[in-house]
């Protein structure tokens, strides 16, 4: 099972939209078995993929001494399975930090071991911080993708994210930055041109694919996942291109 985390310390960069779109495309259009994990206490990914509050969440995975990941999996109607989140994760993060009787950063990896033969991909939606949940996600991941919003402050969280990845590699040497990509891109604007130039300074860590801006993304948050709400819109096509670029990079 290949595990990919979407992270950025800055909020509002389309992490949740990117996570779900990426997962749905892998499942529905590439025929992969995909598990989505929501490790953000805001639980936006969870609420998008299911109307039923999960009985077991990532909070339970981080605090339980028993292996319960398979019991926490929810089958959704959108082609992907889900381990959801809730605000209880905020308290769980504190509990993990205070509990020194077992490794703090290895708990998610330990839980996911029982699922590694059940899925081709595990896609993790991380919160905009560098707390113990994100540390666990990075330790369990092989790749990291960093969405960056096209605005003046879009790169604010990037350096912190890169630092976190570097530090996580001490525990997980297989972890790598698979790429950074721009979101909410508007062609032929000075702002988008400038941010694309900034991203290009990262060399091969900059993805060629950009995710364009569209009202369909905002509309989808009231209805269902973007790929289910507007499968033929420009942003859905952009995410298809992003998945293809990621797969092609992974095979090089």
Protein backbone atom coordinates (compact mmCIF):
# COMPACT_ATOMS: atom_id res chain seq x y z
CA UNK A 1 0.00 0.00 0.00
CA UNK A 2 1.37 3.37 -1.06
CA UNK A 3 0.61 6.10 1.46
CA UNK A 4 0.48 9.73 0.35
CA UNK A 5 -0.04 12.69 2.70
CA UNK A 6 -1.33 16.10 1.61
CA UNK A 7 0.15 18.74 3.91
CA UNK A 8 0.66 22.48 4.20
CA UNK A 9 0.90 24.49 7.41
CA UNK A 10 -1.18 27.23 5.79
CA UNK A 11 -4.93 26.66 5.67
CA UNK A 12 -7.23 27.40 2.74
CA UNK A 13 -4.92 25.90 0.12
CA UNK A 14 -7.37 23.18 -1.08
CA UNK A 15 -5.88 20.25 0.84
CA UNK A 16 -9.24 18.59 1.41
CA UNK A 17 -10.47 19.10 -2.15
CA UNK A 18 -7.14 17.81 -3.46
CA UNK A 19 -7.11 14.79 -1.15
CA UNK A 20 -10.59 13.64 -2.13
CA UNK A 21 -10.21 14.36 -5.85
CA UNK A 22 -6.86 12.56 -5.95
CA UNK A 23 -8.32 9.55 -4.14
CA UNK A 24 -11.46 9.35 -6.29
CA UNK A 25 -9.50 9.53 -9.53
CA UNK A 26 -7.16 6.74 -8.40
CA UNK A 27 -10.18 4.62 -7.54
CA UNK A 28 -12.76 5.40 -10.22
CA UNK A 29 -10.48 6.05 -13.20
CA UNK A 30 -7.36 3.99 -12.41
CA UNK A 31 -9.05 1.03 -10.78
CA UNK A 32 -7.12 1.26 -7.51
CA UNK A 33 -8.30 0.25 -4.06
CA UNK A 34 -8.13 3.50 -2.09
CA UNK A 35 -8.42 4.34 1.59
CA UNK A 36 -8.78 7.97 2.67
CA UNK A 37 -7.71 8.95 6.17
CA UNK A 38 -8.87 12.21 7.71
CA UNK A 39 -6.43 13.34 10.40
CA UNK A 40 -7.74 16.90 10.60
CA UNK A 41 -9.90 17.66 13.67
CA UNK A 42 -12.09 19.90 11.48
CA UNK A 43 -13.18 16.67 9.73
CA UNK A 44 -14.09 18.33 6.42
CA UNK A 45 -13.04 15.26 4.46
CA UNK A 46 -15.15 13.08 6.72
CA UNK A 47 -18.26 15.25 6.34
CA UNK A 48 -17.79 15.35 2.56
CA UNK A 49 -17.58 11.58 2.18
CA UNK A 50 -20.20 10.46 4.69
CA UNK A 51 -23.30 11.80 6.43
CA UNK A 52 -22.90 9.33 9.28
CA UNK A 53 -20.55 10.28 12.14
CA UNK A 54 -17.97 7.48 12.42
CA UNK A 55 -18.00 5.42 15.60
CA UNK A 56 -14.22 4.98 15.44
CA UNK A 57 -11.98 7.77 14.19
CA UNK A 58 -8.32 8.62 13.81
CA UNK A 59 -8.46 9.81 17.42
CA UNK A 60 -9.11 6.20 18.43
CA UNK A 61 -6.34 4.92 16.17
CA UNK A 62 -3.80 7.21 17.86
CA UNK A 63 -4.84 6.39 21.41
CA UNK A 64 -5.81 2.70 21.28
CA UNK A 65 -3.37 0.01 22.28
CA UNK A 66 -5.38 -2.49 20.25
CA UNK A 67 -5.23 -2.75 16.46
CA UNK A 68 -8.58 -1.27 15.41
CA UNK A 69 -7.96 0.22 11.94
CA UNK A 70 -10.05 -2.39 10.11
CA UNK A 71 -12.97 -1.70 12.47
CA UNK A 72 -12.70 2.04 11.77
CA UNK A 73 -13.06 1.74 7.98
CA UNK A 74 -16.25 3.16 6.48
CA UNK A 75 -17.46 2.23 2.98
CA UNK A 76 -18.54 5.41 1.20
CA UNK A 77 -20.71 5.87 -1.88
CA UNK A 78 -17.91 7.68 -3.71
CA UNK A 79 -15.64 4.79 -4.63
CA UNK A 80 -13.22 5.15 -1.71
CA UNK A 81 -13.13 3.85 1.84
CA UNK A 82 -12.66 6.21 4.77
CA UNK A 83 -11.26 6.37 8.27
CA UNK A 84 -12.86 9.54 9.53
CA UNK A 85 -12.06 12.25 12.03
CA UNK A 86 -13.79 14.45 14.59
CA UNK A 87 -12.98 17.19 17.08
CA UNK A 88 -12.06 14.40 19.50
CA UNK A 89 -8.75 14.30 17.65
CA UNK A 90 -7.74 17.53 19.39
CA UNK A 91 -7.94 15.81 22.77
CA UNK A 92 -6.31 12.69 21.38
CA UNK A 93 -3.31 14.69 20.19
CA UNK A 94 -2.81 15.97 23.73
CA UNK A 95 -3.16 12.48 25.17
CA UNK A 96 -0.54 11.13 22.78
CA UNK A 97 1.87 13.91 23.70
CA UNK A 98 1.47 13.10 27.41
CA UNK A 99 1.76 9.34 26.99
CA UNK A 100 5.42 8.32 26.98
CA UNK A 101 4.79 4.61 27.51
CA UNK A 102 4.82 3.92 23.75
CA UNK A 103 6.32 5.72 20.73
CA UNK A 104 4.28 8.81 19.90
CA UNK A 105 5.06 9.15 16.20
CA UNK A 106 4.62 5.48 15.22
CA UNK A 107 1.01 4.94 16.22
CA UNK A 108 -0.71 5.49 12.88
CA UNK A 109 1.87 3.36 11.07
CA UNK A 110 1.30 0.55 13.56
CA UNK A 111 -2.46 0.71 13.07
CA UNK A 112 -2.25 0.72 9.28
CA UNK A 113 -0.14 -2.41 9.08
CA UNK A 114 -3.24 -4.60 9.21
CA UNK A 115 -4.62 -2.80 6.15
CA UNK A 116 -1.54 -2.75 3.95
CA UNK A 117 -2.70 -5.68 1.80
CA UNK A 118 -6.27 -4.40 1.52
CA UNK A 119 -5.53 -1.23 -0.45
CA UNK A 120 -3.28 0.02 -3.23
CA UNK A 121 -3.26 3.60 -1.91
CA UNK A 122 -3.85 5.34 1.37
CA UNK A 123 -4.40 9.10 1.00
CA UNK A 124 -4.14 11.24 4.16
CA UNK A 125 -5.68 14.68 4.60
CA UNK A 126 -3.58 16.53 7.19
CA UNK A 127 -4.51 19.61 9.25
CA UNK A 128 -2.72 22.97 8.77
CA UNK A 129 -0.29 22.42 11.62
CA UNK A 130 2.71 20.31 12.58
CA UNK A 131 1.16 18.54 15.55
CA UNK A 132 1.41 14.91 16.54
CA UNK A 133 -1.25 13.91 14.01
CA UNK A 134 0.79 15.27 11.11
CA UNK A 135 3.95 13.71 12.54
CA UNK A 136 2.19 10.34 12.61
CA UNK A 137 0.95 10.84 9.04
CA UNK A 138 4.45 11.64 7.79
CA UNK A 139 5.92 8.67 9.57
CA UNK A 140 3.35 6.39 7.93
CA UNK A 141 3.76 7.89 4.43
CA UNK A 142 6.00 7.24 1.49
CA UNK A 143 5.17 10.44 -0.40
CA UNK A 144 4.08 13.96 0.44
CA UNK A 145 2.23 16.34 -1.88
CA UNK A 146 2.03 20.03 -0.97
CA UNK A 147 -0.77 22.17 -2.44
CA UNK A 148 0.07 25.87 -2.58
CA UNK A 149 -2.55 28.52 -3.12
CA UNK A 150 -1.87 31.14 -5.79
CA UNK A 151 -1.74 34.28 -3.69
CA UNK A 152 0.75 36.52 -1.93
CA UNK A 153 0.79 34.32 1.16
CA UNK A 154 0.60 30.99 -0.62
CA UNK A 155 4.17 30.01 0.15
CA UNK A 156 4.07 30.96 3.83
CA UNK A 157 3.66 27.41 5.08
CA UNK A 158 5.92 25.73 2.54
CA UNK A 159 9.21 26.09 4.41
CA UNK A 160 7.64 24.72 7.59
CA UNK A 161 6.26 21.77 5.65
CA UNK A 162 9.67 21.07 4.11
CA UNK A 163 11.24 21.24 7.57
CA UNK A 164 8.70 18.77 8.92
CA UNK A 165 9.39 16.37 6.05
CA UNK A 166 13.13 16.59 6.66
CA UNK A 167 12.71 15.90 10.38
CA UNK A 168 10.30 13.01 9.73
CA UNK A 169 12.90 11.36 7.51
CA UNK A 170 14.93 10.63 10.66
CA UNK A 171 12.20 8.15 11.64
CA UNK A 172 11.04 7.31 8.12
CA UNK A 173 13.91 7.39 5.61
CA UNK A 174 11.56 6.24 2.83
CA UNK A 175 9.58 9.49 3.03
CA UNK A 176 10.02 11.92 0.17
CA UNK A 177 8.53 15.10 -1.18
CA UNK A 178 6.74 13.92 -4.31
CA UNK A 179 5.92 17.46 -5.42
CA UNK A 180 4.32 20.84 -4.82
CA UNK A 181 1.49 22.12 -6.98
CA UNK A 182 -0.41 25.38 -7.35
CA UNK A 183 -4.12 25.62 -6.63
CA UNK A 184 -6.72 28.30 -7.43
CA UNK A 185 -4.66 29.25 -10.50
CA UNK A 186 -5.98 31.94 -12.83
CA UNK A 187 -4.21 32.07 -16.17
CA UNK A 188 -2.81 35.36 -17.48
CA UNK A 189 -2.81 37.13 -14.13
CA UNK A 190 0.28 38.71 -12.61
CA UNK A 191 -0.37 36.92 -9.34
CA UNK A 192 -0.46 33.44 -10.85
CA UNK A 193 2.55 34.17 -13.04
CA UNK A 194 4.53 35.34 -10.03
CA UNK A 195 3.63 32.36 -7.86
CA UNK A 196 4.42 29.95 -10.69
CA UNK A 197 7.85 31.56 -11.04
CA UNK A 198 8.41 31.13 -7.30
CA UNK A 199 7.43 27.47 -7.48
CA UNK A 200 9.77 26.88 -10.43
CA UNK A 201 12.74 27.67 -8.19
CA UNK A 202 12.11 24.28 -6.55
CA UNK A 203 13.24 22.47 -9.67
CA UNK A 204 11.87 18.96 -10.09
CA UNK A 205 9.88 19.26 -6.85
CA UNK A 206 7.49 21.62 -8.66
CA UNK A 207 4.65 19.79 -10.41
CA UNK A 208 3.91 20.91 -13.95
CA UNK A 209 0.17 20.55 -13.35
CA UNK A 210 -1.69 23.54 -11.88
CA UNK A 211 -5.19 23.41 -10.44
CA UNK A 212 -7.29 26.20 -11.88
CA UNK A 213 -9.77 28.33 -10.00
CA UNK A 214 -13.46 27.52 -10.46
CA UNK A 215 -16.76 28.27 -8.72
CA UNK A 216 -17.54 24.56 -9.03
CA UNK A 217 -15.13 23.84 -6.17
CA UNK A 218 -17.05 26.05 -3.78
CA UNK A 219 -20.41 24.75 -5.01
CA UNK A 220 -19.29 21.16 -4.47
CA UNK A 221 -18.68 21.75 -0.76
CA UNK A 222 -22.46 22.10 -0.32
CA UNK A 223 -23.27 18.99 -2.34
CA UNK A 224 -20.74 16.18 -2.70
CA UNK A 225 -17.09 15.58 -3.70
CA UNK A 226 -15.95 17.62 -6.69
CA UNK A 227 -15.45 14.60 -8.96
CA UNK A 228 -19.00 13.47 -8.22
CA UNK A 229 -20.53 16.95 -8.43
CA UNK A 230 -18.79 18.25 -11.55
CA UNK A 231 -16.76 15.46 -13.19
CA UNK A 232 -16.32 17.38 -16.45
CA UNK A 233 -15.30 20.78 -15.06
CA UNK A 234 -11.85 22.23 -15.67
CA UNK A 235 -10.67 21.60 -12.11
CA UNK A 236 -11.65 17.93 -12.29
CA UNK A 237 -9.58 17.68 -15.49
CA UNK A 238 -6.69 19.38 -13.70
CA UNK A 239 -6.79 16.82 -10.91
CA UNK A 240 -6.78 14.03 -13.49
CA UNK A 241 -3.63 15.56 -14.95
CA UNK A 242 -2.12 15.83 -11.46
CA UNK A 243 -2.75 12.15 -10.73
CA UNK A 244 -1.26 11.17 -14.09
CA UNK A 245 1.80 13.31 -13.45
CA UNK A 246 2.22 11.81 -10.00
CA UNK A 247 1.95 8.25 -11.34
CA UNK A 248 4.41 8.97 -14.14
CA UNK A 249 6.89 10.50 -11.71
CA UNK A 250 6.53 7.50 -9.40
CA UNK A 251 7.50 5.08 -12.16
CA UNK A 252 10.67 6.97 -13.17
